Amino acid sequence: MYSENSTHDVIRCDLCERPFPSMHCDTCQINLCKGCVVDHFSDESKDHKVVSLNKRGSSFKFPKCQTHSPKICELHCRHCHIPICVSCISSGDHDNHQKVDILKIVKIKKELIEKDMKYLEKTVYPKYKEAILKLQVQKAHVRKHSEKLTIALDKQREALHTEINNIIQEMNSEIEDVDAQQVADIDQQEDAINHTINEITQAMLDLQKLLDSDDICIVSEYTSKTEEFKNLPDQFQVTLPTFTPMEINKEQIRQQIGSLSRTIMITSRNVFSPPARPLIDVPRILTDIQTRYGELRSVSCLSDNELWTCGDYDKTMRLYNLQGELLKSVETKSGHVPRDIAVTRKGDLVYTDYDDSSINLVSGTQIHTLIKLRGWFVRKWRPHDVCSTSSGNLLVIMTSDDGKLTKVVRYSGSTEKQTIQWEDKGKPLYESGGYLSENRNLDICVADNRAHAVVVVSTVGKLRF
C-alpha cells in the first residue's frame, strides 16, 4: 500500500499517465492502460506484443542464472555486467551495485540495433552505391577520351606522312597502356567497394535478425560494429592525358608531334566531415609574436601552438611557439634566402630555393634536396611558393628564367605527378608565380601577381574561374 508521500512511485500509463495501467507492451517496454492500447497498435512500424501487466516479459526468453540455476534472471547488474536473479541479490554479492530491470537493457540494446540499422540503410549504403556509379561513369569517360586521343593522333600522322609513323605507333601504344592501367585501377576500386557493399548487406541482415530476436542473451551481447563502415569509399580521380598538336618540323619531329600529359591517380579520404566553422564577425588578436625578420615573408603552422617562419634578406628559418619563444632555427643548405616554406603531413619542413632551383626537406637536423629542377634546351625553371596537400603531395609554382612561362607541378616525394600550365584552348593559365594553396574542395588556388587575379583549377587541372 502506498502512503501519501509515495504517490510519485505509482505505476502509470506511459502514454496518458493514468495510474495503475493493466497492460504492458513487451516490444516497446512501456505500460499501457486499456484505453491507450488501440492507439498504441496504430503505430504499424513495429510488431507490438501487448500482454497483461503481471505477464510482462512473458514473450521474452529470460536467461537462467548461472549461479542459481534454474532460477530466471530478471535484473541486470551494471557493475558486473551480468544478468542476476533474486537469489543473487539475497546473497549480498551485488550490494551497492546499480541494478536495473533486464528488460530495460533489452530496450536500450534494441534501440541501438535499430539506430545502427537505419544508419547503414539510409546513410552508408547509399553512399557506397553512389561511389560505384561514379566509377562506372568515369570508366566510360576514360575510354571515350582515349578514343578521341587516338583520332587526333591519326589526323596528325596523315599530315606528317611516313617520317613520323613510328613515333605515332609509340604514342598509340602509350595511350593503350594508360587506358588499360586506368580501367584496371578503376576495376580494382570497384571490386573493393562491391566487397564492402556485400559486407554491409550481410551486416544489415544480421542486424535484422537481432531486431527480430527475442533471445535476451544474444541481444544483450550485441555491440555496434558500424565504425568500420564510416570511412566512405575513396574518391578516385584520374588526370586524363591530352594531345597538343604542333607545327611540323622534321629536325625536332618528336617534339613537333605533341605530347601526352602525365596521368595522375588521386585518392582522397572521404569521410563524414563536420560542417565548416563560421567565420567570426570581429577578428580577435590572440597573441603577438615578434620575429627577427625585417620583412616577414611566410608562416606555416607545425601545430596549434608552433609555427615556422621565414623572411626576406634572411637565410634562416625559425620555429616559434605562441608565447613568442624561439624553439629552433635552420639555415638553408645553399646559404640563399628561402622563397617559401610549408609543413608536410609528417611534420617536416619544406622550403623552396629560388636561386638554387631546388625544393628541400628539413627532417630533424638534416636537410635533403628533395627536387632539383632541370632546364631543357636553354630554359630553366625557378620555384616560387609551395604548399602541402591533404593527400600528402607537394604543389610547387615555378616560372621560367625569362619570366614568360609559369606552371604548377604536383610532386609525390621527389616524383613529378602532374603539371598544370595550359587551358583547354592552349592558352596559359598563369602569367606569374605567387601564393598557392589547396582548398576544402581540393581545388588548387593561385594568386597570380602579374594578372592581379586568383586562378582556381580543379584537382585534375581544369580551370574553374
Protein backbone atom coordinates (compact mmCIF):
# COMPACT_ATOMS: atom_id res chain seq x y z
CA MET A 1 0.00 0.00 0.00
CA TYR A 2 1.34 3.44 -0.93
CA SER A 3 1.41 6.34 1.52
CA GLU A 4 0.69 9.94 0.56
CA ASN A 5 4.42 10.59 0.42
CA SER A 6 4.99 7.81 -2.12
CA THR A 7 2.32 8.69 -4.67
CA HIS A 8 5.06 9.65 -7.13
CA ASP A 9 6.02 5.92 -7.25
CA VAL A 10 2.60 4.79 -8.53
CA ILE A 11 2.87 2.91 -11.85
CA ARG A 12 1.28 4.99 -14.60
CA CYS A 13 0.38 4.60 -18.27
CA ASP A 14 3.35 5.84 -20.28
CA LEU A 15 1.02 7.46 -22.84
CA CYS A 16 -1.68 9.22 -20.79
CA GLU A 17 -0.16 8.93 -17.25
CA ARG A 18 -3.28 7.35 -15.75
CA PRO A 19 -2.41 5.37 -12.58
CA PHE A 20 -2.44 1.58 -12.35
CA PRO A 21 -2.33 0.54 -16.03
CA SER A 22 -3.29 -3.07 -16.65
CA MET A 23 -1.36 -3.74 -19.88
CA HIS A 24 2.29 -3.75 -21.00
CA CYS A 25 3.95 -3.73 -24.45
CA ASP A 26 6.97 -6.05 -24.40
CA THR A 27 8.16 -4.69 -27.74
CA CYS A 28 8.29 -1.02 -26.71
CA GLN A 29 8.78 -1.66 -22.99
CA ILE A 30 6.00 0.72 -21.92
CA ASN A 31 2.96 0.40 -19.64
CA LEU A 32 -0.50 0.95 -21.14
CA CYS A 33 -4.00 1.47 -19.85
CA LYS A 34 -6.76 -0.29 -21.76
CA GLY A 35 -7.84 2.99 -23.35
CA CYS A 36 -4.42 3.54 -24.95
CA VAL A 37 -3.91 0.01 -26.33
CA VAL A 38 -5.75 0.75 -29.59
CA ASP A 39 -3.79 3.96 -30.16
CA HIS A 40 -0.54 2.11 -29.50
CA PHE A 41 -1.38 -0.55 -32.08
CA SER A 42 -1.95 2.21 -34.67
CA ASP A 43 1.85 2.53 -34.92
CA GLU A 44 2.43 -0.20 -37.51
CA SER A 45 6.20 0.33 -37.72
CA LYS A 46 6.71 -2.38 -35.07
CA ASP A 47 5.24 -5.76 -34.17
CA HIS A 48 3.72 -4.85 -30.81
CA LYS A 49 3.41 -7.61 -28.19
CA VAL A 50 0.87 -6.35 -25.62
CA VAL A 51 0.24 -8.53 -22.55
CA SER A 52 -1.29 -8.01 -19.13
CA LEU A 53 0.96 -6.15 -16.72
CA ASN A 54 1.51 -9.17 -14.47
CA LYS A 55 2.72 -11.16 -17.51
CA ARG A 56 5.08 -8.50 -18.84
CA GLY A 57 8.19 -10.00 -20.33
CA SER A 58 6.44 -13.33 -20.96
CA SER A 59 7.20 -13.08 -24.69
CA PHE A 60 10.95 -12.86 -23.99
CA LYS A 61 13.32 -15.72 -23.27
CA PHE A 62 14.84 -14.78 -19.94
CA PRO A 63 18.33 -16.15 -19.23
CA LYS A 64 18.82 -18.70 -16.48
CA CYS A 65 21.07 -17.71 -13.61
CA GLN A 66 24.49 -19.29 -13.94
CA THR A 67 24.91 -19.33 -10.16
CA HIS A 68 21.40 -20.31 -9.01
CA SER A 69 20.06 -22.42 -11.89
CA PRO A 70 17.27 -22.90 -12.85
CA LYS A 71 16.15 -19.53 -11.49
CA ILE A 72 15.36 -16.83 -14.06
CA CYS A 73 17.31 -13.57 -14.21
CA GLU A 74 15.04 -10.54 -14.24
CA LEU A 75 17.65 -7.93 -13.32
CA HIS A 76 20.96 -6.77 -14.70
CA CYS A 77 23.95 -5.69 -12.59
CA ARG A 78 25.58 -2.66 -14.23
CA HIS A 79 28.73 -3.08 -12.11
CA CYS A 80 29.34 -6.74 -13.03
CA HIS A 81 27.73 -6.52 -16.49
CA ILE A 82 25.80 -9.76 -15.96
CA PRO A 83 22.15 -10.81 -15.55
CA ILE A 84 21.21 -11.68 -11.95
CA CYS A 85 18.29 -13.33 -10.16
CA VAL A 86 16.59 -12.70 -6.79
CA SER A 87 18.90 -15.19 -5.07
CA CYS A 88 21.93 -13.28 -6.36
CA ILE A 89 20.61 -10.18 -4.60
CA SER A 90 19.88 -12.10 -1.38
CA SER A 91 23.43 -13.48 -1.36
CA GLY A 92 24.81 -9.96 -0.95
CA ASP A 93 27.26 -10.34 -3.82
CA HIS A 94 25.77 -7.32 -5.56
CA ASP A 95 25.26 -4.98 -2.61
CA ASN A 96 25.88 -1.33 -3.52
CA HIS A 97 25.83 -2.28 -7.21
CA GLN A 98 23.43 -0.49 -9.54
CA LYS A 99 20.75 -2.96 -10.66
CA VAL A 100 18.20 -2.38 -13.42
CA ASP A 101 15.33 -4.32 -14.92
CA ILE A 102 16.80 -6.61 -17.56
CA LEU A 103 14.01 -5.60 -19.93
CA LYS A 104 15.35 -2.04 -19.83
CA ILE A 105 18.72 -3.36 -21.04
CA VAL A 106 16.92 -5.16 -23.85
CA LYS A 107 15.11 -1.96 -24.77
CA ILE A 108 18.37 0.03 -24.86
CA LYS A 109 20.08 -2.61 -27.00
CA LYS A 110 17.11 -2.83 -29.36
CA GLU A 111 17.20 0.94 -29.80
CA LEU A 112 20.93 0.78 -30.59
CA ILE A 113 20.36 -2.04 -33.09
CA GLU A 114 17.56 -0.10 -34.75
CA LYS A 115 19.72 3.03 -34.88
CA ASP A 116 22.61 1.13 -36.49
CA MET A 117 20.25 -0.49 -38.95
CA LYS A 118 18.88 2.88 -40.06
CA TYR A 119 22.38 4.36 -40.22
CA LEU A 120 23.65 1.65 -42.55
CA GLU A 121 20.48 1.56 -44.63
CA LYS A 122 19.84 5.29 -45.02
CA THR A 123 23.34 6.81 -44.88
CA VAL A 124 26.25 4.46 -45.52
CA TYR A 125 24.79 2.03 -48.07
CA PRO A 126 23.55 4.78 -50.48
CA LYS A 127 26.97 6.48 -50.38
CA TYR A 128 28.72 3.28 -51.44
CA LYS A 129 26.22 2.74 -54.25
CA GLU A 130 26.78 6.33 -55.38
CA ALA A 131 30.53 5.75 -55.43
CA ILE A 132 30.08 2.72 -57.71
CA LEU A 133 28.01 4.76 -60.17
CA LYS A 134 30.67 7.49 -60.27
CA LEU A 135 33.36 4.92 -61.03
CA GLN A 136 31.32 3.45 -63.87
CA VAL A 137 30.79 6.89 -65.40
CA GLN A 138 34.47 7.68 -65.02
CA LYS A 139 35.46 4.41 -66.70
CA ALA A 140 33.29 5.22 -69.72
CA HIS A 141 34.75 8.73 -69.87
CA VAL A 142 38.29 7.36 -69.80
CA ARG A 143 37.64 5.11 -72.77
CA LYS A 144 35.78 7.79 -74.71
CA HIS A 145 38.59 10.25 -74.12
CA SER A 146 41.17 7.69 -75.17
CA GLU A 147 39.30 7.18 -78.44
CA LYS A 148 39.37 10.93 -79.09
CA LEU A 149 43.09 10.99 -78.48
CA THR A 150 43.64 8.17 -80.96
CA ILE A 151 41.65 10.02 -83.63
CA ALA A 152 43.65 13.21 -83.04
CA LEU A 153 46.89 11.30 -83.35
CA ASP A 154 45.77 9.68 -86.61
CA LYS A 155 44.96 13.08 -88.14
CA GLN A 156 48.37 14.39 -87.17
CA ARG A 157 50.02 11.30 -88.61
CA GLU A 158 48.38 11.94 -92.00
CA ALA A 159 49.93 15.43 -92.07
CA LEU A 160 53.41 14.24 -91.14
CA HIS A 161 53.45 11.23 -93.56
CA THR A 162 55.98 8.43 -93.31
CA GLU A 163 58.67 10.28 -91.30
CA ILE A 164 56.59 10.08 -88.12
CA ASN A 165 54.78 6.74 -88.49
CA ASN A 166 56.99 5.01 -85.93
CA ILE A 167 56.54 7.82 -83.41
CA ILE A 168 52.76 7.72 -83.85
CA GLN A 169 52.75 3.99 -83.18
CA GLU A 170 54.69 4.53 -79.96
CA MET A 171 52.22 7.14 -78.74
CA ASN A 172 49.23 4.96 -79.66
CA SER A 173 50.77 2.23 -77.55
CA GLU A 174 51.21 4.73 -74.73
CA ILE A 175 47.52 5.62 -74.88
CA GLU A 176 46.54 1.96 -74.81
CA ASP A 177 48.77 1.37 -71.81
CA VAL A 178 47.31 4.38 -69.98
CA ASP A 179 43.77 3.27 -70.85
CA ALA A 180 44.42 -0.28 -69.67
CA GLN A 181 46.03 0.93 -66.45
CA GLN A 182 43.24 3.40 -65.69
CA VAL A 183 40.49 0.85 -66.34
CA ALA A 184 42.35 -1.77 -64.31
CA ASP A 185 42.72 0.67 -61.39
CA ILE A 186 39.04 1.60 -61.56
CA ASP A 187 38.04 -2.08 -61.75
CA GLN A 188 40.13 -2.76 -58.67
CA GLN A 189 38.44 0.11 -56.82
CA GLU A 190 35.03 -1.12 -57.98
CA ASP A 191 35.73 -4.65 -56.76
CA ALA A 192 36.83 -3.33 -53.37
CA ILE A 193 33.66 -1.25 -52.96
CA ASN A 194 31.42 -4.13 -54.09
CA HIS A 195 33.11 -6.30 -51.48
CA THR A 196 32.36 -3.72 -48.78
CA ILE A 197 28.75 -3.42 -50.01
CA ASN A 198 28.38 -7.16 -49.58
CA GLU A 199 29.72 -6.84 -46.04
CA ILE A 200 27.25 -4.02 -45.31
CA THR A 201 24.38 -6.05 -46.76
CA GLN A 202 25.33 -9.01 -44.57
CA ALA A 203 25.63 -6.71 -41.55
CA MET A 204 22.12 -5.37 -42.18
CA LEU A 205 20.77 -8.91 -42.45
CA ASP A 206 22.44 -9.81 -39.15
CA LEU A 207 21.05 -6.68 -37.50
CA GLN A 208 17.57 -7.50 -38.79
CA LYS A 209 17.84 -10.95 -37.23
CA LEU A 210 18.79 -9.37 -33.93
CA LEU A 211 15.85 -6.95 -34.18
CA ASP A 212 13.51 -9.88 -34.72
CA SER A 213 15.14 -11.99 -31.98
CA ASP A 214 13.58 -12.49 -28.56
CA ASP A 215 16.70 -14.12 -27.14
CA ILE A 216 17.90 -11.75 -24.45
CA CYS A 217 21.34 -13.33 -24.22
CA ILE A 218 22.05 -12.81 -27.89
CA VAL A 219 20.62 -9.30 -27.98
CA SER A 220 22.37 -8.25 -24.76
CA GLU A 221 25.74 -9.30 -26.14
CA TYR A 222 25.38 -7.09 -29.23
CA THR A 223 27.96 -4.36 -29.70
CA SER A 224 27.88 -1.89 -32.54
CA LYS A 225 30.35 -2.53 -35.37
CA THR A 226 29.33 0.23 -37.76
CA GLU A 227 32.56 2.15 -37.08
CA GLU A 228 34.38 0.10 -39.71
CA PHE A 229 31.98 1.33 -42.39
CA LYS A 230 32.12 5.06 -41.53
CA ASN A 231 35.02 5.79 -43.83
CA LEU A 232 33.35 6.18 -47.21
CA PRO A 233 34.91 4.95 -50.45
CA ASP A 234 37.97 6.90 -51.53
CA GLN A 235 37.27 9.49 -54.22
CA PHE A 236 39.02 8.09 -57.26
CA GLN A 237 40.14 10.61 -59.86
CA VAL A 238 42.49 10.42 -62.79
CA THR A 239 44.07 13.10 -64.90
CA LEU A 240 43.29 12.24 -68.48
CA PRO A 241 46.13 12.73 -70.95
CA THR A 242 45.78 15.49 -73.51
CA PHE A 243 47.15 15.77 -77.03
CA THR A 244 48.62 19.08 -78.21
CA PRO A 245 49.39 19.27 -81.97
CA MET A 246 52.36 21.38 -83.09
CA GLU A 247 53.71 22.68 -86.41
CA ILE A 248 55.65 20.10 -88.41
CA ASN A 249 59.41 20.36 -88.01
CA LYS A 250 61.47 17.43 -89.30
CA GLU A 251 64.51 18.31 -87.19
CA GLN A 252 62.57 18.07 -83.96
CA ILE A 253 59.74 15.85 -85.13
CA ARG A 254 59.19 14.11 -81.81
CA GLN A 255 58.53 17.43 -80.07
CA GLN A 256 56.51 18.69 -83.06
CA ILE A 257 54.01 15.82 -82.85
CA GLY A 258 52.89 16.85 -79.39
CA SER A 259 52.89 15.18 -76.02
CA LEU A 260 50.61 13.20 -73.78
CA SER A 261 50.32 14.76 -70.37
CA ARG A 262 51.14 12.67 -67.36
CA THR A 263 48.41 10.56 -65.82
CA ILE A 264 47.72 11.17 -62.15
CA MET A 265 45.67 8.99 -59.85
CA ILE A 266 44.40 10.99 -56.89
CA THR A 267 42.76 9.17 -53.99
CA SER A 268 41.38 11.34 -51.21
CA ARG A 269 39.90 10.05 -47.99
CA ASN A 270 36.19 10.63 -47.96
CA VAL A 271 34.57 10.62 -44.54
CA PHE A 272 31.58 12.27 -42.95
CA SER A 273 33.16 15.62 -42.23
CA PRO A 274 31.66 18.16 -39.83
CA PRO A 275 30.33 21.41 -41.29
CA ALA A 276 32.78 24.26 -41.70
CA ARG A 277 33.02 26.57 -38.73
CA PRO A 278 31.52 30.01 -39.36
CA LEU A 279 33.87 32.99 -39.51
CA ILE A 280 33.78 35.31 -36.52
CA ASP A 281 32.36 38.78 -37.14
CA VAL A 282 35.20 40.66 -35.45
CA PRO A 283 38.77 39.27 -35.62
CA ARG A 284 40.49 38.81 -32.26
CA ILE A 285 44.23 39.09 -31.67
CA LEU A 286 45.21 36.08 -29.55
CA THR A 287 48.95 36.69 -29.46
CA ASP A 288 51.61 38.96 -30.94
CA ILE A 289 54.95 37.34 -31.86
CA GLN A 290 58.00 39.47 -32.54
CA THR A 291 60.25 37.79 -35.12
CA ARG A 292 63.82 38.69 -36.03
CA TYR A 293 62.97 39.47 -39.64
CA GLY A 294 62.95 42.91 -41.16
CA GLU A 295 60.19 41.71 -43.50
CA LEU A 296 58.27 38.54 -42.62
CA ARG A 297 57.61 36.56 -45.81
CA SER A 298 55.89 33.28 -44.95
CA VAL A 299 54.33 31.45 -41.98
CA SER A 300 53.44 27.73 -41.82
CA CYS A 301 51.88 26.06 -38.77
CA LEU A 302 53.54 22.96 -37.35
CA SER A 303 50.77 22.57 -34.74
CA ASP A 304 48.17 24.66 -32.93
CA ASN A 305 50.94 26.07 -30.75
CA GLU A 306 54.03 26.17 -33.01
CA LEU A 307 54.78 27.85 -36.34
CA TRP A 308 57.66 28.07 -38.82
CA THR A 309 58.63 31.45 -40.30
CA CYS A 310 60.92 32.86 -42.96
CA GLY A 311 61.67 36.39 -44.10
CA ASP A 312 63.24 38.43 -46.88
CA TYR A 313 67.01 39.03 -46.78
CA ASP A 314 67.48 36.24 -44.21
CA LYS A 315 68.70 32.68 -44.90
CA THR A 316 67.44 31.39 -41.52
CA MET A 317 64.04 29.77 -40.95
CA ARG A 318 62.78 29.95 -37.35
CA LEU A 319 60.28 27.95 -35.29
CA TYR A 320 58.31 29.88 -32.62
CA ASN A 321 55.62 28.95 -30.13
CA LEU A 322 52.59 31.12 -29.36
CA GLN A 323 54.44 32.65 -26.43
CA GLY A 324 56.98 34.08 -28.88
CA GLU A 325 59.79 31.80 -27.74
CA LEU A 326 62.32 30.72 -30.37
CA LEU A 327 62.34 26.90 -30.38
CA LYS A 328 64.55 26.14 -33.36
CA SER A 329 66.36 27.81 -36.24
CA VAL A 330 67.63 26.28 -39.50
CA GLU A 331 69.77 27.85 -42.22
CA THR A 332 69.22 26.93 -45.86
CA LYS A 333 71.56 24.37 -47.36
CA SER A 334 72.83 26.72 -50.07
CA GLY A 335 73.01 29.83 -47.92
CA HIS A 336 70.41 31.55 -50.12
CA VAL A 337 67.22 33.18 -48.84
CA PRO A 338 64.27 30.71 -48.85
CA ARG A 339 61.46 31.75 -51.20
CA ASP A 340 58.65 29.95 -49.33
CA ILE A 341 58.05 27.31 -46.64
CA ALA A 342 55.45 24.62 -45.91
CA VAL A 343 54.94 21.86 -43.34
CA THR A 344 54.23 18.32 -44.58
CA ARG A 345 51.66 15.96 -43.08
CA LYS A 346 54.53 14.18 -41.30
CA GLY A 347 55.59 17.45 -39.64
CA ASP A 348 58.74 18.03 -41.72
CA LEU A 349 59.64 21.47 -43.07
CA VAL A 350 59.90 22.03 -46.83
CA TYR A 351 61.36 25.18 -48.40
CA THR A 352 61.95 26.41 -51.95
CA ASP A 353 65.31 27.83 -53.01
CA TYR A 354 64.75 30.16 -55.99
CA ASP A 355 68.44 30.84 -56.63
CA ASP A 356 69.40 27.17 -56.40
CA SER A 357 66.33 25.92 -58.36
CA SER A 358 65.60 23.35 -55.67
CA ILE A 359 62.97 22.16 -53.20
CA ASN A 360 64.47 20.97 -49.92
CA LEU A 361 63.25 18.89 -46.96
CA VAL A 362 64.28 19.60 -43.35
CA SER A 363 63.94 16.46 -41.22
CA GLY A 364 65.31 16.76 -37.71
CA THR A 365 68.76 18.29 -38.11
CA GLN A 366 69.26 17.06 -41.68
CA ILE A 367 68.48 18.94 -44.91
CA HIS A 368 67.93 16.89 -48.06
CA THR A 369 67.49 18.24 -51.57
CA LEU A 370 64.16 16.69 -52.47
CA ILE A 371 63.84 18.08 -56.01
CA LYS A 372 66.40 19.74 -58.29
CA LEU A 373 64.72 21.49 -61.21
CA ARG A 374 66.39 20.78 -64.54
CA GLY A 375 66.12 23.00 -67.60
CA TRP A 376 65.57 21.81 -71.15
CA PHE A 377 67.43 23.47 -74.04
CA VAL A 378 68.12 27.00 -72.73
CA ARG A 379 65.12 27.31 -70.39
CA LYS A 380 65.48 26.77 -66.65
CA TRP A 381 62.72 26.70 -64.04
CA ARG A 382 62.76 28.57 -60.73
CA PRO A 383 60.49 27.55 -57.79
CA HIS A 384 58.35 30.13 -56.02
CA ASP A 385 55.71 29.17 -53.46
CA VAL A 386 54.98 25.67 -52.14
CA CYS A 387 52.14 24.02 -50.23
CA SER A 388 51.44 20.58 -48.77
CA THR A 389 48.14 18.97 -49.87
CA SER A 390 45.63 16.88 -47.92
CA SER A 391 46.83 13.77 -49.78
CA GLY A 392 50.45 14.34 -48.72
CA ASN A 393 51.67 15.68 -52.09
CA LEU A 394 53.56 18.93 -52.67
CA LEU A 395 52.34 21.66 -55.02
CA VAL A 396 55.06 23.99 -56.33
CA ILE A 397 54.52 27.01 -58.56
CA MET A 398 57.52 27.87 -60.75
CA THR A 399 58.48 30.26 -63.55
CA SER A 400 60.96 30.05 -66.39
CA ASP A 401 64.18 32.07 -66.26
CA ASP A 402 62.89 34.50 -68.86
CA GLY A 403 59.63 35.00 -66.92
CA LYS A 404 57.47 34.05 -69.92
CA LEU A 405 56.11 30.73 -68.62
CA THR A 406 54.54 29.73 -65.29
CA LYS A 407 53.28 26.33 -64.17
CA VAL A 408 52.15 24.40 -61.10
CA VAL A 409 53.71 20.98 -60.57
CA ARG A 410 52.47 18.27 -58.20
CA TYR A 411 55.09 16.03 -56.59
CA SER A 412 54.74 12.81 -54.62
CA GLY A 413 58.03 12.74 -52.75
CA SER A 414 60.54 13.65 -55.45
CA THR A 415 58.44 12.21 -58.32
CA GLU A 416 56.62 14.61 -60.64
CA LYS A 417 52.98 13.51 -60.88
CA GLN A 418 51.17 16.37 -62.62
CA THR A 419 51.85 19.61 -64.50
CA ILE A 420 49.23 22.36 -64.72
CA GLN A 421 50.08 25.09 -67.24
CA TRP A 422 47.57 25.40 -70.10
CA GLU A 423 43.84 25.89 -70.60
CA ASP A 424 41.89 23.54 -72.90
CA LYS A 425 42.35 26.01 -75.78
CA GLY A 426 46.12 26.14 -75.33
CA LYS A 427 46.29 29.49 -73.52
CA PRO A 428 48.49 29.79 -70.42
CA LEU A 429 46.66 29.60 -67.09
CA TYR A 430 49.15 31.80 -65.24
CA GLU A 431 51.11 34.97 -66.02
CA SER A 432 53.38 34.82 -62.98
CA GLY A 433 54.11 32.94 -59.78
CA GLY A 434 52.57 33.70 -56.41
CA TYR A 435 50.94 32.24 -53.31
CA LEU A 436 49.19 28.90 -53.84
CA SER A 437 47.02 26.69 -51.66
CA GLU A 438 44.57 23.77 -51.75
CA ASN A 439 41.02 24.49 -50.58
CA ARG A 440 38.41 22.20 -48.95
CA ASN A 441 37.19 21.07 -52.39
CA LEU A 442 40.78 20.03 -53.27
CA ASP A 443 40.91 22.84 -55.87
CA ILE A 444 44.29 24.50 -56.47
CA CYS A 445 44.20 28.27 -55.86
CA VAL A 446 46.98 30.55 -57.15
CA ALA A 447 47.39 34.28 -56.51
CA ASP A 448 48.70 35.47 -59.90
CA ASN A 449 50.53 38.71 -59.06
CA ARG A 450 51.01 39.95 -62.61
CA ALA A 451 47.42 39.21 -63.64
CA HIS A 452 46.04 40.70 -60.39
CA ALA A 453 43.77 37.66 -60.10
CA VAL A 454 43.21 34.44 -58.19
CA VAL A 455 43.22 31.48 -60.58
CA VAL A 456 41.41 28.35 -59.38
CA VAL A 457 41.69 24.96 -61.11
CA SER A 458 40.27 21.56 -60.15
CA THR A 459 42.37 18.68 -58.89
CA VAL A 460 42.77 17.43 -62.47
CA GLY A 461 43.87 20.88 -63.72
CA LYS A 462 40.61 22.12 -65.28
CA LEU A 463 40.05 25.88 -64.99
CA ARG A 464 37.18 26.75 -62.65
CA PHE A 465 37.49 30.56 -62.53
